[in-house]
Amino acid sequence: MNWFKNLNLPNKLTVIRILAIPVFLIFLYITEGVFKFLPLLIFVAAAVTDAIDGHIARRDNLITDFGKFMDPLADKLLTASAFIAFVEIDYLSSWVVVLIISREFLVSGFRTLAASKGVTIAANPWGKVKTVFQMILIVVILLNYTGYAAFTTSWITPLVAVVVLLTITSGATYVYENIEVIK
């Protein structure tokens, strides 16, 4: 655990977010009483740490190579884990999750290729909006899943449609704006 002590605060939050994923999944499958509400709390806490670690890293000039690599990976692991679990508990169709994860692999591939050529590709605004709507969709599904907010059932399908549209749009925009990387 010495390596963990040597990390700065934003990087510690990123590691904690990754470690929260299996805990989130375990509680997602426990369907008794208060435990049904814990995945929502864990996911929201993890999502909040994402905003906090980025803010702290920029504010205090604590941006590191570890953070540049692990922070987006932690986000992708967290959302992909939730989406894959939602297929298993019958809240999402597998094609939606395959589309979402494929877009993430495509963008990560472009970033890796660009980095190998010494080029840094920043996130585009469509990708940020897509991420926000993915988080909203996950929270709405978790609210519905708990049974405490059954009124959210009618929100899921429209939110899935928005997430699919934003996933396609952000992915296509990303490829279009960075096609020179593969030339």
N, C-alpha and C. Protein backbone atom coordinates (compact mmCIF):
# COMPACT_ATOMS: atom_id res chain seq x y z
N MET A 1 0.81 -1.20 0.00
CA MET A 1 0.00 0.00 0.00
C MET A 1 0.85 1.27 0.00
N ASN A 2 2.15 1.11 0.03
CA ASN A 2 3.03 2.27 0.00
C ASN A 2 2.82 3.09 -1.26
N TRP A 3 2.58 2.43 -2.38
CA TRP A 3 2.36 3.14 -3.64
C TRP A 3 1.14 4.05 -3.53
N PHE A 4 0.10 3.60 -2.80
CA PHE A 4 -1.12 4.40 -2.66
C PHE A 4 -0.83 5.66 -1.86
N LYS A 5 -0.03 5.54 -0.80
CA LYS A 5 0.32 6.70 0.03
C LYS A 5 1.08 7.75 -0.79
N ASN A 6 1.83 7.29 -1.79
CA ASN A 6 2.64 8.21 -2.59
C ASN A 6 1.84 8.93 -3.67
N LEU A 7 0.60 8.55 -3.88
CA LEU A 7 -0.23 9.21 -4.89
C LEU A 7 -0.74 10.55 -4.36
N ASN A 8 -0.95 11.50 -5.27
CA ASN A 8 -1.59 12.74 -4.85
C ASN A 8 -3.09 12.51 -4.68
N LEU A 9 -3.80 13.48 -4.11
CA LEU A 9 -5.22 13.31 -3.80
C LEU A 9 -6.07 12.97 -5.03
N PRO A 10 -5.92 13.68 -6.15
CA PRO A 10 -6.75 13.32 -7.31
C PRO A 10 -6.52 11.87 -7.77
N ASN A 11 -5.28 11.42 -7.74
CA ASN A 11 -4.99 10.05 -8.15
C ASN A 11 -5.52 9.04 -7.14
N LYS A 12 -5.50 9.38 -5.86
CA LYS A 12 -6.11 8.50 -4.85
C LYS A 12 -7.61 8.36 -5.10
N LEU A 13 -8.26 9.47 -5.43
CA LEU A 13 -9.69 9.41 -5.72
C LEU A 13 -9.98 8.54 -6.94
N THR A 14 -9.11 8.60 -7.93
CA THR A 14 -9.26 7.76 -9.12
C THR A 14 -9.15 6.29 -8.76
N VAL A 15 -8.16 5.94 -7.95
CA VAL A 15 -7.98 4.55 -7.52
C VAL A 15 -9.19 4.09 -6.70
N ILE A 16 -9.66 4.94 -5.82
CA ILE A 16 -10.84 4.60 -5.01
C ILE A 16 -12.05 4.35 -5.91
N ARG A 17 -12.19 5.16 -6.96
CA ARG A 17 -13.30 4.97 -7.91
C ARG A 17 -13.21 3.60 -8.58
N ILE A 18 -12.02 3.18 -8.94
CA ILE A 18 -11.86 1.86 -9.56
C ILE A 18 -12.18 0.76 -8.54
N LEU A 19 -11.71 0.93 -7.31
CA LEU A 19 -11.97 -0.07 -6.27
C LEU A 19 -13.45 -0.13 -5.89
N ALA A 20 -14.19 0.94 -6.14
CA ALA A 20 -15.62 0.96 -5.84
C ALA A 20 -16.44 0.12 -6.81
N ILE A 21 -15.89 -0.18 -7.98
CA ILE A 21 -16.65 -0.90 -9.01
C ILE A 21 -17.12 -2.28 -8.53
N PRO A 22 -16.24 -3.14 -8.01
CA PRO A 22 -16.75 -4.45 -7.56
C PRO A 22 -17.74 -4.32 -6.40
N VAL A 23 -17.54 -3.33 -5.54
CA VAL A 23 -18.47 -3.13 -4.43
C VAL A 23 -19.84 -2.72 -4.99
N PHE A 24 -19.83 -1.82 -5.95
CA PHE A 24 -21.06 -1.41 -6.64
C PHE A 24 -21.78 -2.62 -7.22
N LEU A 25 -21.04 -3.47 -7.92
CA LEU A 25 -21.64 -4.65 -8.57
C LEU A 25 -22.18 -5.65 -7.55
N ILE A 26 -21.44 -5.87 -6.48
CA ILE A 26 -21.91 -6.81 -5.44
C ILE A 26 -23.25 -6.33 -4.88
N PHE A 27 -23.33 -5.07 -4.54
CA PHE A 27 -24.58 -4.56 -3.97
C PHE A 27 -25.70 -4.47 -5.00
N LEU A 28 -25.34 -4.34 -6.26
CA LEU A 28 -26.38 -4.31 -7.30
C LEU A 28 -27.14 -5.63 -7.33
N TYR A 29 -26.45 -6.72 -7.02
CA TYR A 29 -27.08 -8.04 -7.07
C TYR A 29 -27.71 -8.47 -5.75
N ILE A 30 -27.50 -7.68 -4.70
CA ILE A 30 -28.19 -7.95 -3.44
C ILE A 30 -29.50 -7.17 -3.49
N THR A 31 -30.59 -7.88 -3.51
CA THR A 31 -31.87 -7.21 -3.76
C THR A 31 -32.75 -7.10 -2.53
N GLU A 32 -32.16 -7.16 -1.38
CA GLU A 32 -32.92 -7.14 -0.13
C GLU A 32 -32.83 -5.77 0.55
N GLY A 33 -33.94 -5.23 0.97
CA GLY A 33 -34.01 -4.06 1.82
C GLY A 33 -33.14 -2.90 1.42
N VAL A 34 -32.45 -2.33 2.41
CA VAL A 34 -31.63 -1.14 2.21
C VAL A 34 -30.47 -1.40 1.24
N PHE A 35 -30.03 -2.64 1.15
CA PHE A 35 -28.92 -2.96 0.25
C PHE A 35 -29.23 -2.61 -1.20
N LYS A 36 -30.50 -2.59 -1.54
CA LYS A 36 -30.89 -2.27 -2.91
C LYS A 36 -30.59 -0.81 -3.24
N PHE A 37 -30.50 0.04 -2.23
CA PHE A 37 -30.23 1.45 -2.44
C PHE A 37 -28.73 1.75 -2.51
N LEU A 38 -27.90 0.85 -1.98
CA LEU A 38 -26.46 1.09 -1.92
C LEU A 38 -25.78 1.26 -3.29
N PRO A 39 -26.16 0.50 -4.32
CA PRO A 39 -25.48 0.73 -5.61
C PRO A 39 -25.66 2.16 -6.12
N LEU A 40 -26.83 2.73 -5.88
CA LEU A 40 -27.07 4.12 -6.28
C LEU A 40 -26.13 5.05 -5.51
N LEU A 41 -26.03 4.87 -4.21
CA LEU A 41 -25.15 5.72 -3.41
C LEU A 41 -23.69 5.56 -3.82
N ILE A 42 -23.27 4.32 -4.06
CA ILE A 42 -21.88 4.06 -4.45
C ILE A 42 -21.58 4.68 -5.81
N PHE A 43 -22.51 4.51 -6.76
CA PHE A 43 -22.29 5.07 -8.10
C PHE A 43 -22.22 6.59 -8.05
N VAL A 44 -23.16 7.21 -7.34
CA VAL A 44 -23.18 8.67 -7.25
C VAL A 44 -21.89 9.17 -6.58
N ALA A 45 -21.47 8.51 -5.51
CA ALA A 45 -20.22 8.90 -4.84
C ALA A 45 -19.03 8.78 -5.80
N ALA A 46 -18.99 7.70 -6.56
CA ALA A 46 -17.89 7.51 -7.52
C ALA A 46 -17.93 8.58 -8.60
N ALA A 47 -19.13 8.90 -9.10
CA ALA A 47 -19.26 9.93 -10.13
C ALA A 47 -18.84 11.30 -9.59
N VAL A 48 -19.17 11.57 -8.34
CA VAL A 48 -18.79 12.84 -7.73
C VAL A 48 -17.27 12.92 -7.58
N THR A 49 -16.63 11.80 -7.22
CA THR A 49 -15.16 11.83 -7.09
C THR A 49 -14.51 12.14 -8.44
N ASP A 50 -15.16 11.76 -9.53
CA ASP A 50 -14.61 12.08 -10.85
C ASP A 50 -14.56 13.59 -11.05
N ALA A 51 -15.63 14.26 -10.71
CA ALA A 51 -15.65 15.72 -10.85
C ALA A 51 -14.65 16.37 -9.89
N ILE A 52 -14.60 15.86 -8.68
CA ILE A 52 -13.72 16.45 -7.67
C ILE A 52 -12.26 16.25 -8.02
N ASP A 53 -11.87 15.04 -8.44
CA ASP A 53 -10.44 14.81 -8.69
C ASP A 53 -9.94 15.66 -9.85
N GLY A 54 -10.75 15.81 -10.88
CA GLY A 54 -10.34 16.66 -12.01
C GLY A 54 -10.20 18.12 -11.60
N HIS A 55 -11.14 18.59 -10.79
CA HIS A 55 -11.09 19.97 -10.33
C HIS A 55 -9.83 20.22 -9.48
N ILE A 56 -9.58 19.32 -8.55
CA ILE A 56 -8.41 19.47 -7.67
C ILE A 56 -7.12 19.40 -8.49
N ALA A 57 -7.05 18.46 -9.43
CA ALA A 57 -5.83 18.30 -10.23
C ALA A 57 -5.52 19.57 -11.03
N ARG A 58 -6.56 20.16 -11.63
CA ARG A 58 -6.34 21.39 -12.40
C ARG A 58 -6.04 22.58 -11.49
N ARG A 59 -6.80 22.71 -10.41
CA ARG A 59 -6.65 23.84 -9.49
C ARG A 59 -5.27 23.87 -8.84
N ASP A 60 -4.80 22.70 -8.40
CA ASP A 60 -3.54 22.62 -7.66
C ASP A 60 -2.36 22.18 -8.52
N ASN A 61 -2.57 22.15 -9.81
CA ASN A 61 -1.53 21.74 -10.76
C ASN A 61 -0.95 20.37 -10.37
N LEU A 62 -1.85 19.40 -10.15
CA LEU A 62 -1.46 18.05 -9.77
C LEU A 62 -1.70 17.05 -10.90
N ILE A 63 -1.65 17.52 -12.12
CA ILE A 63 -1.88 16.66 -13.28
C ILE A 63 -0.65 15.79 -13.49
N THR A 64 -0.89 14.47 -13.55
CA THR A 64 0.22 13.52 -13.70
C THR A 64 -0.07 12.59 -14.88
N ASP A 65 0.94 11.90 -15.34
CA ASP A 65 0.74 10.91 -16.40
C ASP A 65 -0.19 9.80 -15.91
N PHE A 66 -0.02 9.39 -14.65
CA PHE A 66 -0.90 8.38 -14.06
C PHE A 66 -2.35 8.85 -14.15
N GLY A 67 -2.61 10.08 -13.74
CA GLY A 67 -3.97 10.62 -13.76
C GLY A 67 -4.52 10.76 -15.17
N LYS A 68 -3.68 11.19 -16.10
CA LYS A 68 -4.13 11.34 -17.49
C LYS A 68 -4.58 10.00 -18.07
N PHE A 69 -3.92 8.94 -17.65
CA PHE A 69 -4.27 7.61 -18.16
C PHE A 69 -5.39 6.97 -17.35
N MET A 70 -5.25 6.99 -16.03
CA MET A 70 -6.18 6.25 -15.18
C MET A 70 -7.53 6.92 -14.98
N ASP A 71 -7.60 8.25 -14.97
CA ASP A 71 -8.88 8.91 -14.74
C ASP A 71 -9.90 8.56 -15.82
N PRO A 72 -9.58 8.72 -17.11
CA PRO A 72 -10.57 8.33 -18.11
C PRO A 72 -10.84 6.82 -18.11
N LEU A 73 -9.82 6.03 -17.79
CA LEU A 73 -10.02 4.58 -17.72
C LEU A 73 -10.99 4.23 -16.59
N ALA A 74 -10.82 4.89 -15.45
CA ALA A 74 -11.72 4.65 -14.31
C ALA A 74 -13.16 4.99 -14.69
N ASP A 75 -13.35 6.10 -15.40
CA ASP A 75 -14.70 6.49 -15.84
C ASP A 75 -15.30 5.44 -16.76
N LYS A 76 -14.51 4.99 -17.71
CA LYS A 76 -15.00 3.99 -18.67
C LYS A 76 -15.32 2.66 -17.97
N LEU A 77 -14.46 2.25 -17.04
CA LEU A 77 -14.70 1.01 -16.29
C LEU A 77 -15.98 1.11 -15.46
N LEU A 78 -16.17 2.26 -14.81
CA LEU A 78 -17.36 2.45 -13.98
C LEU A 78 -18.63 2.41 -14.81
N THR A 79 -18.67 3.19 -15.88
CA THR A 79 -19.89 3.22 -16.69
C THR A 79 -20.11 1.91 -17.43
N ALA A 80 -19.04 1.33 -17.98
CA ALA A 80 -19.20 0.05 -18.69
C ALA A 80 -19.69 -1.04 -17.75
N SER A 81 -19.17 -1.06 -16.53
CA SER A 81 -19.62 -2.05 -15.55
C SER A 81 -21.10 -1.91 -15.26
N ALA A 82 -21.54 -0.68 -15.07
CA ALA A 82 -22.97 -0.44 -14.82
C ALA A 82 -23.81 -0.87 -16.02
N PHE A 83 -23.40 -0.46 -17.22
CA PHE A 83 -24.18 -0.80 -18.40
C PHE A 83 -24.25 -2.31 -18.65
N ILE A 84 -23.13 -2.99 -18.47
CA ILE A 84 -23.12 -4.45 -18.65
C ILE A 84 -24.03 -5.12 -17.61
N ALA A 85 -23.96 -4.66 -16.38
CA ALA A 85 -24.83 -5.21 -15.33
C ALA A 85 -26.30 -4.95 -15.65
N PHE A 86 -26.59 -3.80 -16.25
CA PHE A 86 -27.98 -3.48 -16.59
C PHE A 86 -28.54 -4.40 -17.68
N VAL A 87 -27.68 -4.95 -18.52
CA VAL A 87 -28.15 -5.96 -19.48
C VAL A 87 -28.59 -7.20 -18.71
N GLU A 88 -27.77 -7.60 -17.75
CA GLU A 88 -28.06 -8.80 -16.98
C GLU A 88 -29.34 -8.68 -16.16
N ILE A 89 -29.62 -7.49 -15.65
CA ILE A 89 -30.83 -7.33 -14.84
C ILE A 89 -32.00 -6.79 -15.68
N ASP A 90 -31.86 -6.87 -16.99
CA ASP A 90 -32.94 -6.56 -17.95
C ASP A 90 -33.39 -5.11 -17.97
N TYR A 91 -32.45 -4.20 -17.84
CA TYR A 91 -32.77 -2.78 -17.98
C TYR A 91 -32.29 -2.20 -19.30
N LEU A 92 -31.33 -2.85 -19.95
CA LEU A 92 -30.81 -2.37 -21.24
C LEU A 92 -30.66 -3.53 -22.20
N SER A 93 -30.77 -3.22 -23.48
CA SER A 93 -30.49 -4.21 -24.54
C SER A 93 -28.99 -4.28 -24.76
N SER A 94 -28.53 -5.46 -25.09
CA SER A 94 -27.09 -5.65 -25.28
C SER A 94 -26.54 -4.80 -26.43
N TRP A 95 -27.34 -4.57 -27.48
CA TRP A 95 -26.83 -3.79 -28.61
C TRP A 95 -26.49 -2.36 -28.19
N VAL A 96 -27.25 -1.82 -27.23
CA VAL A 96 -26.98 -0.46 -26.73
C VAL A 96 -25.62 -0.44 -26.03
N VAL A 97 -25.39 -1.43 -25.20
CA VAL A 97 -24.14 -1.50 -24.45
C VAL A 97 -22.96 -1.75 -25.38
N VAL A 98 -23.14 -2.61 -26.37
CA VAL A 98 -22.06 -2.86 -27.34
C VAL A 98 -21.73 -1.57 -28.09
N LEU A 99 -22.74 -0.81 -28.47
CA LEU A 99 -22.51 0.46 -29.16
C LEU A 99 -21.73 1.43 -28.27
N ILE A 100 -22.14 1.55 -27.02
CA ILE A 100 -21.48 2.47 -26.08
C ILE A 100 -20.02 2.06 -25.87
N ILE A 101 -19.80 0.79 -25.62
CA ILE A 101 -18.43 0.32 -25.36
C ILE A 101 -17.57 0.40 -26.63
N SER A 102 -18.16 0.11 -27.78
CA SER A 102 -17.41 0.21 -29.04
C SER A 102 -16.93 1.63 -29.28
N ARG A 103 -17.79 2.60 -29.00
CA ARG A 103 -17.40 4.01 -29.16
C ARG A 103 -16.21 4.33 -28.25
N GLU A 104 -16.25 3.81 -27.03
CA GLU A 104 -15.16 4.08 -26.10
C GLU A 104 -13.84 3.46 -26.59
N PHE A 105 -13.91 2.24 -27.12
CA PHE A 105 -12.70 1.61 -27.68
C PHE A 105 -12.19 2.40 -28.88
N LEU A 106 -13.09 2.87 -29.73
CA LEU A 106 -12.70 3.64 -30.90
C LEU A 106 -11.96 4.92 -30.49
N VAL A 107 -12.55 5.66 -29.57
CA VAL A 107 -11.93 6.91 -29.11
C VAL A 107 -10.60 6.63 -28.41
N SER A 108 -10.57 5.60 -27.57
CA SER A 108 -9.31 5.25 -26.88
C SER A 108 -8.24 4.85 -27.89
N GLY A 109 -8.65 4.12 -28.92
CA GLY A 109 -7.70 3.74 -29.97
C GLY A 109 -7.13 4.96 -30.69
N PHE A 110 -8.00 5.90 -31.01
CA PHE A 110 -7.53 7.14 -31.65
C PHE A 110 -6.57 7.89 -30.74
N ARG A 111 -6.91 7.96 -29.45
CA ARG A 111 -6.03 8.68 -28.50
C ARG A 111 -4.68 7.99 -28.38
N THR A 112 -4.68 6.66 -28.34
CA THR A 112 -3.43 5.91 -28.24
C THR A 112 -2.58 6.11 -29.48
N LEU A 113 -3.20 6.05 -30.65
CA LEU A 113 -2.48 6.26 -31.90
C LEU A 113 -1.91 7.68 -31.96
N ALA A 114 -2.72 8.65 -31.58
CA ALA A 114 -2.26 10.04 -31.58
C ALA A 114 -1.09 10.22 -30.62
N ALA A 115 -1.21 9.62 -29.43
CA ALA A 115 -0.13 9.74 -28.43
C ALA A 115 1.16 9.13 -28.95
N SER A 116 1.05 8.04 -29.71
CA SER A 116 2.26 7.42 -30.26
C SER A 116 2.95 8.33 -31.28
N LYS A 117 2.19 9.29 -31.81
CA LYS A 117 2.74 10.27 -32.76
C LYS A 117 3.03 11.61 -32.08
N GLY A 118 2.94 11.63 -30.74
CA GLY A 118 3.23 12.85 -30.00
C GLY A 118 2.10 13.87 -30.02
N VAL A 119 0.90 13.44 -30.37
CA VAL A 119 -0.25 14.34 -30.46
C VAL A 119 -1.21 14.03 -29.32
N THR A 120 -1.68 15.07 -28.64
CA THR A 120 -2.68 14.90 -27.59
C THR A 120 -4.02 15.34 -28.15
N ILE A 121 -5.01 14.48 -28.02
CA ILE A 121 -6.35 14.80 -28.50
C ILE A 121 -7.22 15.07 -27.28
N ALA A 122 -7.73 16.28 -27.21
CA ALA A 122 -8.60 16.66 -26.09
C ALA A 122 -10.00 16.10 -26.31
N ALA A 123 -10.71 15.96 -25.23
CA ALA A 123 -12.11 15.53 -25.31
C ALA A 123 -12.90 16.62 -26.03
N ASN A 124 -13.88 16.18 -26.84
CA ASN A 124 -14.70 17.18 -27.51
C ASN A 124 -15.98 17.43 -26.70
N PRO A 125 -16.64 18.55 -26.93
CA PRO A 125 -17.84 18.87 -26.14
C PRO A 125 -18.93 17.80 -26.26
N TRP A 126 -19.07 17.17 -27.43
CA TRP A 126 -20.08 16.12 -27.59
C TRP A 126 -19.79 14.96 -26.66
N GLY A 127 -18.53 14.62 -26.48
CA GLY A 127 -18.16 13.53 -25.59
C GLY A 127 -18.49 13.85 -24.15
N LYS A 128 -18.31 15.11 -23.77
CA LYS A 128 -18.63 15.50 -22.39
C LYS A 128 -20.14 15.45 -22.15
N VAL A 129 -20.91 15.92 -23.14
CA VAL A 129 -22.38 15.86 -23.02
C VAL A 129 -22.84 14.41 -22.97
N LYS A 130 -22.22 13.56 -23.80
CA LYS A 130 -22.54 12.13 -23.80
C LYS A 130 -22.31 11.52 -22.44
N THR A 131 -21.19 11.86 -21.82
CA THR A 131 -20.86 11.33 -20.50
C THR A 131 -21.88 11.76 -19.46
N VAL A 132 -22.28 13.02 -19.50
CA VAL A 132 -23.28 13.52 -18.55
C VAL A 132 -24.58 12.73 -18.71
N PHE A 133 -25.02 12.53 -19.95
CA PHE A 133 -26.27 11.80 -20.16
C PHE A 133 -26.14 10.32 -19.80
N GLN A 134 -24.96 9.74 -20.00
CA GLN A 134 -24.75 8.36 -19.55
C GLN A 134 -24.91 8.27 -18.04
N MET A 135 -24.31 9.21 -17.33
CA MET A 135 -24.42 9.22 -15.87
C MET A 135 -25.87 9.40 -15.43
N ILE A 136 -26.58 10.31 -16.09
CA ILE A 136 -28.00 10.52 -15.78
C ILE A 136 -28.78 9.23 -16.00
N LEU A 137 -28.54 8.56 -17.13
CA LEU A 137 -29.23 7.31 -17.43
C LEU A 137 -28.95 6.26 -16.35
N ILE A 138 -27.70 6.13 -15.96
CA ILE A 138 -27.34 5.15 -14.93
C ILE A 138 -28.06 5.47 -13.61
N VAL A 139 -28.07 6.73 -13.23
CA VAL A 139 -28.74 7.12 -11.97
C VAL A 139 -30.24 6.85 -12.07
N VAL A 140 -30.86 7.17 -13.20
CA VAL A 140 -32.30 6.93 -13.37
C VAL A 140 -32.60 5.43 -13.29
N ILE A 141 -31.78 4.62 -13.94
CA ILE A 141 -31.98 3.16 -13.87
C ILE A 141 -31.82 2.69 -12.43
N LEU A 142 -30.82 3.18 -11.74
CA LEU A 142 -30.61 2.76 -10.36
C LEU A 142 -31.75 3.24 -9.46
N LEU A 143 -32.26 4.43 -9.69
CA LEU A 143 -33.42 4.91 -8.94
C LEU A 143 -34.62 3.99 -9.17
N ASN A 144 -34.81 3.61 -10.43
CA ASN A 144 -35.92 2.73 -10.77
C ASN A 144 -35.72 1.34 -10.16
N TYR A 145 -34.51 0.85 -10.24
CA TYR A 145 -34.18 -0.49 -9.75
C TYR A 145 -34.41 -0.63 -8.25
N THR A 146 -34.17 0.44 -7.50
CA THR A 146 -34.37 0.39 -6.06
C THR A 146 -35.84 0.21 -5.71
N GLY A 147 -36.72 0.62 -6.62
CA GLY A 147 -38.15 0.57 -6.35
C GLY A 147 -38.65 1.80 -5.61
N TYR A 148 -37.73 2.64 -5.16
CA TYR A 148 -38.12 3.84 -4.44
C TYR A 148 -38.58 4.95 -5.38
N ALA A 149 -38.21 4.84 -6.65
CA ALA A 149 -38.57 5.88 -7.62
C ALA A 149 -39.09 5.23 -8.89
N ALA A 150 -40.15 4.44 -8.74
CA ALA A 150 -40.71 3.70 -9.88
C ALA A 150 -41.22 4.64 -10.97
N PHE A 151 -41.50 5.90 -10.62
CA PHE A 151 -41.97 6.86 -11.61
C PHE A 151 -40.95 7.09 -12.73
N THR A 152 -39.69 6.71 -12.49
CA THR A 152 -38.64 6.93 -13.49
C THR A 152 -38.68 5.92 -14.64
N THR A 153 -39.56 4.92 -14.55
CA THR A 153 -39.65 3.91 -15.62
C THR A 153 -39.85 4.57 -16.99
N SER A 154 -40.71 5.55 -17.06
CA SER A 154 -41.01 6.20 -18.34
C SER A 154 -39.85 7.07 -18.84
N TRP A 155 -38.87 7.34 -18.02
CA TRP A 155 -37.72 8.15 -18.43
C TRP A 155 -36.64 7.32 -19.10
N ILE A 156 -36.62 6.01 -18.84
CA ILE A 156 -35.50 5.18 -19.28
C ILE A 156 -35.40 5.12 -20.80
N THR A 157 -36.47 4.79 -21.50
CA THR A 157 -36.40 4.66 -22.96
C THR A 157 -35.97 5.96 -23.65
N PRO A 158 -36.57 7.11 -23.30
CA PRO A 158 -36.08 8.34 -23.94
C PRO A 158 -34.62 8.65 -23.63
N LEU A 159 -34.20 8.37 -22.40
CA LEU A 159 -32.79 8.60 -22.05
C LEU A 159 -31.87 7.66 -22.81
N VAL A 160 -32.28 6.41 -22.99
CA VAL A 160 -31.48 5.48 -23.80
C VAL A 160 -31.34 6.02 -25.22
N ALA A 161 -32.43 6.53 -25.78
CA ALA A 161 -32.39 7.09 -27.13
C ALA A 161 -31.43 8.26 -27.21
N VAL A 162 -31.46 9.14 -26.22
CA VAL A 162 -30.55 10.28 -26.19
C VAL A 162 -29.10 9.81 -26.07
N VAL A 163 -28.85 8.84 -25.19
CA VAL A 163 -27.49 8.33 -25.01
C VAL A 163 -26.99 7.68 -26.30
N VAL A 164 -27.83 6.90 -26.97
CA VAL A 164 -27.43 6.27 -28.24
C VAL A 164 -27.10 7.36 -29.27
N LEU A 165 -27.96 8.35 -29.39
CA LEU A 165 -27.73 9.44 -30.35
C LEU A 165 -26.44 10.19 -30.03
N LEU A 166 -26.23 10.50 -28.75
CA LEU A 166 -25.00 11.21 -28.36
C LEU A 166 -23.77 10.34 -28.53
N THR A 167 -23.90 9.04 -28.31
CA THR A 167 -22.77 8.12 -28.50
C THR A 167 -22.35 8.12 -29.96
N ILE A 168 -23.31 8.01 -30.85
CA ILE A 168 -23.02 8.01 -32.29
C ILE A 168 -22.47 9.36 -32.73
N THR A 169 -23.12 10.43 -32.30
CA THR A 169 -22.70 11.78 -32.69
C THR A 169 -21.30 12.10 -32.18
N SER A 170 -21.06 11.82 -30.90
CA SER A 170 -19.74 12.15 -30.34
C SER A 170 -18.65 11.29 -30.97
N GLY A 171 -18.94 10.02 -31.23
CA GLY A 171 -17.96 9.15 -31.88
C GLY A 171 -17.65 9.59 -33.30
N ALA A 172 -18.70 9.90 -34.06
CA ALA A 172 -18.51 10.35 -35.45
C ALA A 172 -17.76 11.68 -35.50
N THR A 173 -18.11 12.60 -34.61
CA THR A 173 -17.43 13.89 -34.54
C THR A 173 -15.96 13.70 -34.19
N TYR A 174 -15.71 12.83 -33.26
CA TYR A 174 -14.34 12.55 -32.83
C TYR A 174 -13.51 12.02 -33.99
N VAL A 175 -14.06 11.07 -34.73
CA VAL A 175 -13.35 10.51 -35.89
C VAL A 175 -13.14 11.58 -36.94
N TYR A 176 -14.18 12.33 -37.25
CA TYR A 176 -14.11 13.36 -38.28
C TYR A 176 -13.05 14.41 -37.95
N GLU A 177 -13.04 14.87 -36.69
CA GLU A 177 -12.11 15.92 -36.29
C GLU A 177 -10.66 15.44 -36.19
N ASN A 178 -10.46 14.13 -36.10
CA ASN A 178 -9.11 13.61 -35.85
C ASN A 178 -8.67 12.57 -36.87
N ILE A 179 -9.30 12.56 -38.03
CA ILE A 179 -9.00 11.56 -39.05
C ILE A 179 -7.54 11.62 -39.52
N GLU A 180 -6.92 12.81 -39.39
CA GLU A 180 -5.51 12.94 -39.82
C GLU A 180 -4.60 12.02 -39.04
N VAL A 181 -5.00 11.66 -37.83
CA VAL A 181 -4.19 10.81 -36.97
C VAL A 181 -3.92 9.46 -37.63
N ILE A 182 -4.88 8.93 -38.37
CA ILE A 182 -4.67 7.61 -38.98
C ILE A 182 -4.12 7.70 -40.39
N LYS A 183 -3.95 8.90 -40.91
CA LYS A 183 -3.40 9.04 -42.27
C LYS A 183 -1.90 8.97 -42.24
